[in-house]
Amino acid sequence: MGELQVLADKLPEVLDFSKDLTNLEPASKIHLKFLVEEMQAISKGLEKVVQELALAENDGPISKNFCQILREFLHLAEAEVRSLASLYSGVGRNVDALILYFGEDPAPCPFEQAISTLLNFQRMFNKSHEENCKQVELEMKKASENDKSKMVASNKQADHLLQAAI
């Protein structure tokens, strides 16, 4: 509890660090394994559409409209998949950077473990801070009550002396 009080006295803005980590809770629900699987499924699906187009082009004039629409779709879908792959790659770099920032090796420390550790730390820190604030408040209340008791005792003593003097 003492370390938190020192932190509260010297760097009070640090105590609110969890306000900067509002996305930590939702991030803890992400499993990169599923993102990898989804990215692979999307890529395979796009490959199948390309194969379907190649097969349809061999059908001749009967598939002309279908092939035209499929080409237009592929043009858009390929751009979207490239954009998605770029975002996914960025996620990987950011995850590694986050893990390295906290002094861990990304290879044995997966994203889920790093986020779970951060989330647990944040929860424990906030709970300790709340308990510390309650303790400080309780101590201040006791000190205030002590001061009031001393004043009452002092007033009684003064009244007693005044009564004796009269």
N, C-alpha and C. Protein backbone atom coordinates (compact mmCIF):
# COMPACT_ATOMS: atom_id res chain seq x y z
N MET A 1 0.82 -1.18 0.00
CA MET A 1 0.00 0.00 0.00
C MET A 1 0.87 1.25 0.00
N GLY A 2 2.02 1.22 0.63
CA GLY A 2 2.89 2.38 0.71
C GLY A 2 3.38 2.84 -0.65
N GLU A 3 3.71 1.89 -1.53
CA GLU A 3 4.21 2.25 -2.86
C GLU A 3 3.16 2.99 -3.67
N LEU A 4 1.90 2.55 -3.54
CA LEU A 4 0.82 3.23 -4.26
C LEU A 4 0.64 4.65 -3.74
N GLN A 5 0.80 4.84 -2.43
CA GLN A 5 0.64 6.18 -1.86
C GLN A 5 1.74 7.10 -2.36
N VAL A 6 2.97 6.58 -2.43
CA VAL A 6 4.08 7.37 -2.96
C VAL A 6 3.80 7.75 -4.41
N LEU A 7 3.30 6.78 -5.18
CA LEU A 7 2.94 7.04 -6.58
C LEU A 7 1.84 8.08 -6.66
N ALA A 8 0.85 7.96 -5.79
CA ALA A 8 -0.27 8.91 -5.78
C ALA A 8 0.22 10.31 -5.44
N ASP A 9 1.19 10.41 -4.54
CA ASP A 9 1.71 11.72 -4.14
C ASP A 9 2.60 12.34 -5.21
N LYS A 10 3.44 11.51 -5.84
CA LYS A 10 4.44 12.06 -6.77
C LYS A 10 3.97 12.10 -8.22
N LEU A 11 3.22 11.08 -8.66
CA LEU A 11 2.76 11.01 -10.05
C LEU A 11 1.29 10.60 -10.11
N PRO A 12 0.40 11.46 -9.65
CA PRO A 12 -1.02 11.06 -9.59
C PRO A 12 -1.62 10.71 -10.95
N GLU A 13 -1.09 11.31 -12.02
CA GLU A 13 -1.64 11.02 -13.36
C GLU A 13 -1.39 9.58 -13.79
N VAL A 14 -0.38 8.94 -13.22
CA VAL A 14 -0.07 7.55 -13.56
C VAL A 14 -1.16 6.60 -13.06
N LEU A 15 -1.82 7.00 -11.98
CA LEU A 15 -2.85 6.14 -11.39
C LEU A 15 -4.04 5.94 -12.34
N ASP A 16 -4.20 6.83 -13.28
CA ASP A 16 -5.31 6.74 -14.24
C ASP A 16 -4.90 6.07 -15.55
N PHE A 17 -3.82 5.30 -15.53
CA PHE A 17 -3.32 4.70 -16.77
C PHE A 17 -4.37 3.82 -17.46
N SER A 18 -5.28 3.25 -16.69
CA SER A 18 -6.28 2.36 -17.29
C SER A 18 -7.23 3.12 -18.21
N LYS A 19 -7.33 4.43 -18.04
CA LYS A 19 -8.15 5.23 -18.95
C LYS A 19 -7.54 5.23 -20.36
N ASP A 20 -6.23 5.03 -20.43
CA ASP A 20 -5.55 4.97 -21.72
C ASP A 20 -5.66 3.58 -22.34
N LEU A 21 -6.12 2.62 -21.56
CA LEU A 21 -6.20 1.23 -22.04
C LEU A 21 -7.65 0.75 -22.11
N THR A 22 -8.52 1.60 -22.65
CA THR A 22 -9.94 1.26 -22.70
C THR A 22 -10.21 0.08 -23.61
N ASN A 23 -9.32 -0.20 -24.55
CA ASN A 23 -9.53 -1.31 -25.48
C ASN A 23 -8.93 -2.62 -24.99
N LEU A 24 -8.37 -2.61 -23.80
CA LEU A 24 -7.73 -3.81 -23.27
C LEU A 24 -8.73 -4.95 -23.07
N GLU A 25 -9.87 -4.62 -22.50
CA GLU A 25 -10.90 -5.65 -22.26
C GLU A 25 -11.38 -6.27 -23.57
N PRO A 26 -11.79 -5.46 -24.57
CA PRO A 26 -12.20 -6.08 -25.85
C PRO A 26 -11.05 -6.84 -26.52
N ALA A 27 -9.84 -6.34 -26.39
CA ALA A 27 -8.68 -7.02 -27.00
C ALA A 27 -8.46 -8.39 -26.38
N SER A 28 -8.86 -8.54 -25.13
CA SER A 28 -8.65 -9.83 -24.46
C SER A 28 -9.54 -10.92 -25.04
N LYS A 29 -10.54 -10.51 -25.81
CA LYS A 29 -11.45 -11.48 -26.42
C LYS A 29 -10.99 -11.93 -27.80
N ILE A 30 -9.94 -11.29 -28.31
CA ILE A 30 -9.41 -11.62 -29.63
C ILE A 30 -8.44 -12.80 -29.52
N HIS A 31 -8.59 -13.73 -30.42
CA HIS A 31 -7.66 -14.86 -30.49
C HIS A 31 -7.01 -14.84 -31.86
N LEU A 32 -5.72 -14.56 -31.88
CA LEU A 32 -5.01 -14.42 -33.16
C LEU A 32 -5.09 -15.69 -33.99
N LYS A 33 -5.18 -16.83 -33.33
CA LYS A 33 -5.28 -18.10 -34.06
C LYS A 33 -6.51 -18.07 -34.98
N PHE A 34 -7.62 -17.53 -34.47
CA PHE A 34 -8.84 -17.45 -35.28
C PHE A 34 -8.67 -16.45 -36.41
N LEU A 35 -7.95 -15.36 -36.15
CA LEU A 35 -7.70 -14.39 -37.22
C LEU A 35 -6.87 -15.02 -38.33
N VAL A 36 -5.88 -15.81 -37.96
CA VAL A 36 -5.05 -16.50 -38.95
C VAL A 36 -5.92 -17.44 -39.78
N GLU A 37 -6.76 -18.20 -39.10
CA GLU A 37 -7.63 -19.15 -39.80
C GLU A 37 -8.60 -18.42 -40.74
N GLU A 38 -9.14 -17.31 -40.29
CA GLU A 38 -10.06 -16.53 -41.13
C GLU A 38 -9.33 -15.94 -42.33
N MET A 39 -8.11 -15.45 -42.11
CA MET A 39 -7.34 -14.88 -43.21
C MET A 39 -7.04 -15.96 -44.24
N GLN A 40 -6.68 -17.15 -43.79
CA GLN A 40 -6.41 -18.26 -44.70
C GLN A 40 -7.68 -18.65 -45.45
N ALA A 41 -8.82 -18.70 -44.77
CA ALA A 41 -10.08 -19.05 -45.41
C ALA A 41 -10.45 -18.04 -46.49
N ILE A 42 -10.23 -16.77 -46.21
CA ILE A 42 -10.53 -15.72 -47.19
C ILE A 42 -9.63 -15.88 -48.42
N SER A 43 -8.35 -16.12 -48.19
CA SER A 43 -7.41 -16.30 -49.31
C SER A 43 -7.78 -17.52 -50.15
N LYS A 44 -8.13 -18.62 -49.50
CA LYS A 44 -8.53 -19.83 -50.22
C LYS A 44 -9.82 -19.59 -50.98
N GLY A 45 -10.74 -18.88 -50.38
CA GLY A 45 -12.00 -18.56 -51.06
C GLY A 45 -11.76 -17.75 -52.31
N LEU A 46 -10.85 -16.78 -52.23
CA LEU A 46 -10.51 -15.97 -53.40
C LEU A 46 -9.88 -16.82 -54.49
N GLU A 47 -9.01 -17.76 -54.09
CA GLU A 47 -8.39 -18.67 -55.07
C GLU A 47 -9.46 -19.50 -55.79
N LYS A 48 -10.46 -19.94 -55.06
CA LYS A 48 -11.54 -20.73 -55.66
C LYS A 48 -12.33 -19.90 -56.67
N VAL A 49 -12.54 -18.63 -56.37
CA VAL A 49 -13.25 -17.75 -57.31
C VAL A 49 -12.42 -17.58 -58.58
N VAL A 50 -11.11 -17.44 -58.43
CA VAL A 50 -10.21 -17.32 -59.59
C VAL A 50 -10.29 -18.59 -60.43
N GLN A 51 -10.29 -19.74 -59.77
CA GLN A 51 -10.40 -21.02 -60.48
C GLN A 51 -11.76 -21.13 -61.20
N GLU A 52 -12.81 -20.68 -60.54
CA GLU A 52 -14.15 -20.71 -61.15
C GLU A 52 -14.20 -19.84 -62.39
N LEU A 53 -13.55 -18.70 -62.34
CA LEU A 53 -13.49 -17.81 -63.51
C LEU A 53 -12.76 -18.50 -64.64
N ALA A 54 -11.63 -19.13 -64.34
CA ALA A 54 -10.85 -19.83 -65.39
C ALA A 54 -11.70 -20.93 -66.02
N LEU A 55 -12.45 -21.67 -65.24
CA LEU A 55 -13.32 -22.73 -65.77
C LEU A 55 -14.45 -22.14 -66.61
N ALA A 56 -15.04 -21.04 -66.12
CA ALA A 56 -16.17 -20.43 -66.82
C ALA A 56 -15.74 -19.84 -68.16
N GLU A 57 -14.51 -19.34 -68.24
CA GLU A 57 -14.03 -18.76 -69.50
C GLU A 57 -13.93 -19.82 -70.59
N ASN A 58 -13.78 -21.09 -70.20
CA ASN A 58 -13.74 -22.19 -71.18
C ASN A 58 -15.12 -22.60 -71.65
N ASP A 59 -16.19 -22.08 -71.02
CA ASP A 59 -17.55 -22.44 -71.39
C ASP A 59 -18.03 -21.74 -72.65
N GLY A 60 -17.32 -20.73 -73.08
CA GLY A 60 -17.71 -20.02 -74.30
C GLY A 60 -18.71 -18.91 -74.03
N PRO A 61 -19.49 -18.53 -75.10
CA PRO A 61 -20.40 -17.37 -75.02
C PRO A 61 -21.48 -17.50 -73.96
N ILE A 62 -21.86 -18.69 -73.60
CA ILE A 62 -22.93 -18.88 -72.61
C ILE A 62 -22.56 -18.30 -71.24
N SER A 63 -21.29 -18.24 -70.96
CA SER A 63 -20.82 -17.75 -69.65
C SER A 63 -20.23 -16.34 -69.74
N LYS A 64 -20.46 -15.65 -70.88
CA LYS A 64 -19.87 -14.33 -71.08
C LYS A 64 -20.27 -13.34 -69.98
N ASN A 65 -21.57 -13.21 -69.70
CA ASN A 65 -22.03 -12.27 -68.66
C ASN A 65 -21.51 -12.68 -67.28
N PHE A 66 -21.59 -13.98 -67.02
CA PHE A 66 -21.10 -14.48 -65.72
C PHE A 66 -19.63 -14.14 -65.53
N CYS A 67 -18.83 -14.37 -66.59
CA CYS A 67 -17.38 -14.08 -66.50
C CYS A 67 -17.12 -12.60 -66.29
N GLN A 68 -17.92 -11.75 -66.97
CA GLN A 68 -17.74 -10.30 -66.83
C GLN A 68 -18.03 -9.87 -65.39
N ILE A 69 -19.12 -10.36 -64.84
CA ILE A 69 -19.49 -10.01 -63.47
C ILE A 69 -18.46 -10.56 -62.48
N LEU A 70 -17.98 -11.77 -62.73
CA LEU A 70 -16.99 -12.39 -61.85
C LEU A 70 -15.66 -11.63 -61.89
N ARG A 71 -15.27 -11.15 -63.08
CA ARG A 71 -14.04 -10.35 -63.20
C ARG A 71 -14.16 -9.06 -62.38
N GLU A 72 -15.31 -8.41 -62.49
CA GLU A 72 -15.54 -7.17 -61.73
C GLU A 72 -15.49 -7.45 -60.22
N PHE A 73 -16.13 -8.55 -59.83
CA PHE A 73 -16.10 -8.94 -58.43
C PHE A 73 -14.67 -9.20 -57.97
N LEU A 74 -13.93 -9.97 -58.78
CA LEU A 74 -12.54 -10.29 -58.41
C LEU A 74 -11.68 -9.05 -58.30
N HIS A 75 -11.91 -8.10 -59.21
CA HIS A 75 -11.13 -6.86 -59.17
C HIS A 75 -11.32 -6.18 -57.80
N LEU A 76 -12.57 -6.09 -57.34
CA LEU A 76 -12.85 -5.48 -56.04
C LEU A 76 -12.38 -6.37 -54.89
N ALA A 77 -12.66 -7.66 -54.98
CA ALA A 77 -12.33 -8.58 -53.89
C ALA A 77 -10.82 -8.69 -53.69
N GLU A 78 -10.07 -8.73 -54.76
CA GLU A 78 -8.61 -8.82 -54.62
C GLU A 78 -8.05 -7.60 -53.91
N ALA A 79 -8.60 -6.42 -54.24
CA ALA A 79 -8.15 -5.19 -53.57
C ALA A 79 -8.50 -5.25 -52.08
N GLU A 80 -9.70 -5.73 -51.77
CA GLU A 80 -10.12 -5.84 -50.37
C GLU A 80 -9.25 -6.85 -49.61
N VAL A 81 -8.95 -7.96 -50.25
CA VAL A 81 -8.12 -8.99 -49.59
C VAL A 81 -6.70 -8.47 -49.37
N ARG A 82 -6.17 -7.72 -50.34
CA ARG A 82 -4.83 -7.11 -50.15
C ARG A 82 -4.86 -6.14 -48.97
N SER A 83 -5.90 -5.34 -48.90
CA SER A 83 -6.03 -4.39 -47.80
C SER A 83 -6.15 -5.12 -46.46
N LEU A 84 -6.94 -6.17 -46.45
CA LEU A 84 -7.11 -6.97 -45.24
C LEU A 84 -5.80 -7.64 -44.83
N ALA A 85 -5.07 -8.16 -45.81
CA ALA A 85 -3.77 -8.79 -45.52
C ALA A 85 -2.79 -7.77 -44.94
N SER A 86 -2.84 -6.56 -45.47
CA SER A 86 -1.97 -5.50 -44.96
C SER A 86 -2.34 -5.16 -43.50
N LEU A 87 -3.65 -5.08 -43.23
CA LEU A 87 -4.09 -4.81 -41.85
C LEU A 87 -3.68 -5.95 -40.92
N TYR A 88 -3.84 -7.16 -41.40
CA TYR A 88 -3.47 -8.33 -40.59
C TYR A 88 -1.98 -8.31 -40.28
N SER A 89 -1.18 -7.97 -41.29
CA SER A 89 0.27 -7.89 -41.10
C SER A 89 0.61 -6.81 -40.07
N GLY A 90 -0.12 -5.69 -40.14
CA GLY A 90 0.07 -4.61 -39.16
C GLY A 90 -0.27 -5.06 -37.75
N VAL A 91 -1.32 -5.87 -37.63
CA VAL A 91 -1.69 -6.41 -36.31
C VAL A 91 -0.54 -7.24 -35.76
N GLY A 92 0.04 -8.08 -36.61
CA GLY A 92 1.16 -8.92 -36.17
C GLY A 92 2.34 -8.08 -35.68
N ARG A 93 2.67 -7.03 -36.43
CA ARG A 93 3.78 -6.15 -36.02
C ARG A 93 3.46 -5.44 -34.71
N ASN A 94 2.23 -4.96 -34.59
CA ASN A 94 1.83 -4.25 -33.37
C ASN A 94 1.82 -5.17 -32.15
N VAL A 95 1.37 -6.39 -32.35
CA VAL A 95 1.36 -7.37 -31.25
C VAL A 95 2.79 -7.64 -30.79
N ASP A 96 3.68 -7.88 -31.74
CA ASP A 96 5.08 -8.12 -31.38
C ASP A 96 5.68 -6.91 -30.67
N ALA A 97 5.37 -5.71 -31.17
CA ALA A 97 5.90 -4.49 -30.55
C ALA A 97 5.37 -4.33 -29.12
N LEU A 98 4.10 -4.64 -28.92
CA LEU A 98 3.51 -4.56 -27.59
C LEU A 98 4.19 -5.51 -26.62
N ILE A 99 4.38 -6.75 -27.07
CA ILE A 99 5.01 -7.76 -26.22
C ILE A 99 6.45 -7.37 -25.90
N LEU A 100 7.18 -6.88 -26.91
CA LEU A 100 8.56 -6.44 -26.70
C LEU A 100 8.61 -5.23 -25.76
N TYR A 101 7.64 -4.34 -25.88
CA TYR A 101 7.58 -3.14 -25.03
C TYR A 101 7.53 -3.52 -23.55
N PHE A 102 6.83 -4.60 -23.26
CA PHE A 102 6.73 -5.04 -21.87
C PHE A 102 7.82 -6.05 -21.50
N GLY A 103 8.85 -6.13 -22.34
CA GLY A 103 10.04 -6.90 -21.98
C GLY A 103 9.92 -8.40 -22.17
N GLU A 104 8.99 -8.84 -22.98
CA GLU A 104 8.83 -10.27 -23.22
C GLU A 104 9.27 -10.61 -24.64
N ASP A 105 9.48 -11.88 -24.87
CA ASP A 105 9.84 -12.38 -26.20
C ASP A 105 8.55 -12.82 -26.88
N PRO A 106 8.22 -12.28 -28.06
CA PRO A 106 6.97 -12.62 -28.72
C PRO A 106 6.82 -14.11 -29.06
N ALA A 107 7.94 -14.80 -29.25
CA ALA A 107 7.84 -16.22 -29.64
C ALA A 107 7.17 -17.07 -28.56
N PRO A 108 7.69 -17.10 -27.33
CA PRO A 108 7.04 -17.93 -26.32
C PRO A 108 5.87 -17.25 -25.61
N CYS A 109 5.71 -15.94 -25.80
CA CYS A 109 4.65 -15.19 -25.11
C CYS A 109 3.61 -14.75 -26.13
N PRO A 110 2.57 -15.54 -26.33
CA PRO A 110 1.57 -15.18 -27.33
C PRO A 110 0.75 -13.96 -26.90
N PHE A 111 0.09 -13.37 -27.88
CA PHE A 111 -0.73 -12.18 -27.67
C PHE A 111 -1.74 -12.39 -26.55
N GLU A 112 -2.42 -13.52 -26.57
CA GLU A 112 -3.46 -13.78 -25.57
C GLU A 112 -2.88 -13.76 -24.15
N GLN A 113 -1.70 -14.31 -23.99
CA GLN A 113 -1.07 -14.32 -22.67
C GLN A 113 -0.66 -12.91 -22.25
N ALA A 114 -0.09 -12.15 -23.18
CA ALA A 114 0.33 -10.78 -22.87
C ALA A 114 -0.86 -9.91 -22.49
N ILE A 115 -1.95 -10.00 -23.25
CA ILE A 115 -3.13 -9.20 -22.96
C ILE A 115 -3.76 -9.63 -21.64
N SER A 116 -3.81 -10.93 -21.40
CA SER A 116 -4.37 -11.44 -20.14
C SER A 116 -3.56 -10.92 -18.95
N THR A 117 -2.24 -10.94 -19.08
CA THR A 117 -1.37 -10.45 -18.00
C THR A 117 -1.60 -8.97 -17.76
N LEU A 118 -1.68 -8.18 -18.85
CA LEU A 118 -1.92 -6.75 -18.72
C LEU A 118 -3.28 -6.46 -18.08
N LEU A 119 -4.29 -7.20 -18.52
CA LEU A 119 -5.63 -7.00 -17.99
C LEU A 119 -5.68 -7.35 -16.50
N ASN A 120 -5.05 -8.44 -16.12
CA ASN A 120 -5.00 -8.82 -14.70
C ASN A 120 -4.26 -7.77 -13.89
N PHE A 121 -3.14 -7.27 -14.43
CA PHE A 121 -2.38 -6.23 -13.73
C PHE A 121 -3.25 -4.99 -13.55
N GLN A 122 -3.93 -4.60 -14.62
CA GLN A 122 -4.78 -3.41 -14.55
C GLN A 122 -5.87 -3.58 -13.49
N ARG A 123 -6.51 -4.72 -13.47
CA ARG A 123 -7.57 -4.97 -12.49
C ARG A 123 -7.01 -4.95 -11.06
N MET A 124 -5.89 -5.64 -10.84
CA MET A 124 -5.30 -5.67 -9.50
C MET A 124 -4.82 -4.29 -9.07
N PHE A 125 -4.23 -3.55 -10.00
CA PHE A 125 -3.75 -2.20 -9.70
C PHE A 125 -4.91 -1.31 -9.29
N ASN A 126 -5.99 -1.35 -10.09
CA ASN A 126 -7.15 -0.51 -9.79
C ASN A 126 -7.78 -0.90 -8.45
N LYS A 127 -7.84 -2.20 -8.18
CA LYS A 127 -8.41 -2.65 -6.91
C LYS A 127 -7.54 -2.17 -5.74
N SER A 128 -6.22 -2.30 -5.88
CA SER A 128 -5.30 -1.83 -4.83
C SER A 128 -5.43 -0.33 -4.63
N HIS A 129 -5.56 0.39 -5.72
CA HIS A 129 -5.71 1.85 -5.64
C HIS A 129 -7.00 2.22 -4.91
N GLU A 130 -8.10 1.53 -5.24
CA GLU A 130 -9.36 1.78 -4.56
C GLU A 130 -9.24 1.48 -3.07
N GLU A 131 -8.63 0.36 -2.73
CA GLU A 131 -8.45 -0.01 -1.32
C GLU A 131 -7.57 1.02 -0.61
N ASN A 132 -6.54 1.48 -1.30
CA ASN A 132 -5.65 2.49 -0.73
C ASN A 132 -6.41 3.78 -0.46
N CYS A 133 -7.25 4.19 -1.42
CA CYS A 133 -8.04 5.41 -1.24
C CYS A 133 -8.99 5.28 -0.05
N LYS A 134 -9.63 4.10 0.06
CA LYS A 134 -10.54 3.86 1.19
C LYS A 134 -9.78 3.91 2.51
N GLN A 135 -8.57 3.33 2.53
CA GLN A 135 -7.77 3.33 3.75
C GLN A 135 -7.37 4.75 4.14
N VAL A 136 -6.94 5.54 3.16
CA VAL A 136 -6.57 6.93 3.43
C VAL A 136 -7.78 7.69 3.95
N GLU A 137 -8.93 7.48 3.33
CA GLU A 137 -10.17 8.14 3.77
C GLU A 137 -10.52 7.74 5.19
N LEU A 138 -10.39 6.45 5.50
CA LEU A 138 -10.68 5.95 6.85
C LEU A 138 -9.73 6.57 7.87
N GLU A 139 -8.44 6.64 7.52
CA GLU A 139 -7.46 7.23 8.43
C GLU A 139 -7.75 8.71 8.66
N MET A 140 -8.16 9.41 7.60
CA MET A 140 -8.49 10.84 7.74
C MET A 140 -9.72 11.01 8.62
N LYS A 141 -10.69 10.11 8.46
CA LYS A 141 -11.91 10.16 9.27
C LYS A 141 -11.57 9.92 10.74
N LYS A 142 -10.71 8.91 10.99
CA LYS A 142 -10.30 8.61 12.37
C LYS A 142 -9.55 9.79 12.97
N ALA A 143 -8.67 10.39 12.18
CA ALA A 143 -7.91 11.55 12.67
C ALA A 143 -8.85 12.71 12.98
N SER A 144 -9.84 12.90 12.13
CA SER A 144 -10.82 13.96 12.35
C SER A 144 -11.63 13.70 13.61
N GLU A 145 -12.04 12.43 13.78
CA GLU A 145 -12.80 12.06 14.99
C GLU A 145 -11.93 12.22 16.23
N ASN A 146 -10.65 11.87 16.11
CA ASN A 146 -9.71 12.04 17.22
C ASN A 146 -9.60 13.51 17.60
N ASP A 147 -9.48 14.36 16.56
CA ASP A 147 -9.38 15.80 16.82
C ASP A 147 -10.64 16.31 17.50
N LYS A 148 -11.80 15.81 17.06
CA LYS A 148 -13.07 16.23 17.68
C LYS A 148 -13.12 15.77 19.13
N SER A 149 -12.68 14.52 19.37
CA SER A 149 -12.68 13.99 20.75
C SER A 149 -11.77 14.82 21.64
N LYS A 150 -10.61 15.20 21.12
CA LYS A 150 -9.68 16.02 21.90
C LYS A 150 -10.29 17.39 22.20
N MET A 151 -11.00 17.94 21.18
CA MET A 151 -11.64 19.24 21.39
C MET A 151 -12.74 19.14 22.44
N VAL A 152 -13.54 18.08 22.38
CA VAL A 152 -14.62 17.89 23.36
C VAL A 152 -14.01 17.74 24.75
N ALA A 153 -12.95 16.91 24.85
CA ALA A 153 -12.30 16.71 26.14
C ALA A 153 -11.72 18.02 26.64
N SER A 154 -11.12 18.77 25.76
CA SER A 154 -10.52 20.05 26.12
C SER A 154 -11.60 21.03 26.57
N ASN A 155 -12.73 21.03 25.85
CA ASN A 155 -13.85 21.91 26.22
C ASN A 155 -14.42 21.51 27.58
N LYS A 156 -14.54 20.21 27.84
CA LYS A 156 -15.05 19.73 29.13
C LYS A 156 -14.11 20.16 30.26
N GLN A 157 -12.81 20.04 29.98
CA GLN A 157 -11.83 20.42 30.99
C GLN A 157 -11.90 21.92 31.25
N ALA A 158 -12.05 22.69 30.17
CA ALA A 158 -12.16 24.14 30.33
C ALA A 158 -13.43 24.49 31.09
N ASP A 159 -14.55 23.81 30.76
CA ASP A 159 -15.80 24.05 31.48
C ASP A 159 -15.65 23.71 32.96
N HIS A 160 -14.97 22.60 33.25
CA HIS A 160 -14.76 22.17 34.62
C HIS A 160 -13.93 23.19 35.40
N LEU A 161 -12.85 23.70 34.75
CA LEU A 161 -12.02 24.72 35.37
C LEU A 161 -12.80 26.00 35.59
N LEU A 162 -13.64 26.34 34.60
CA LEU A 162 -14.45 27.55 34.70
C LEU A 162 -15.44 27.42 35.83
N GLN A 163 -16.04 26.24 35.97
CA GLN A 163 -17.00 25.98 37.05
C GLN A 163 -16.28 26.08 38.42
N ALA A 164 -15.07 25.55 38.47
CA ALA A 164 -14.33 25.57 39.72
C ALA A 164 -13.95 26.99 40.09
N ALA A 165 -13.68 27.80 39.06
CA ALA A 165 -13.27 29.18 39.31
C ALA A 165 -14.44 30.02 39.78
N ILE A 166 -15.62 29.67 39.36
CA ILE A 166 -16.81 30.45 39.72
C ILE A 166 -17.19 30.07 41.11
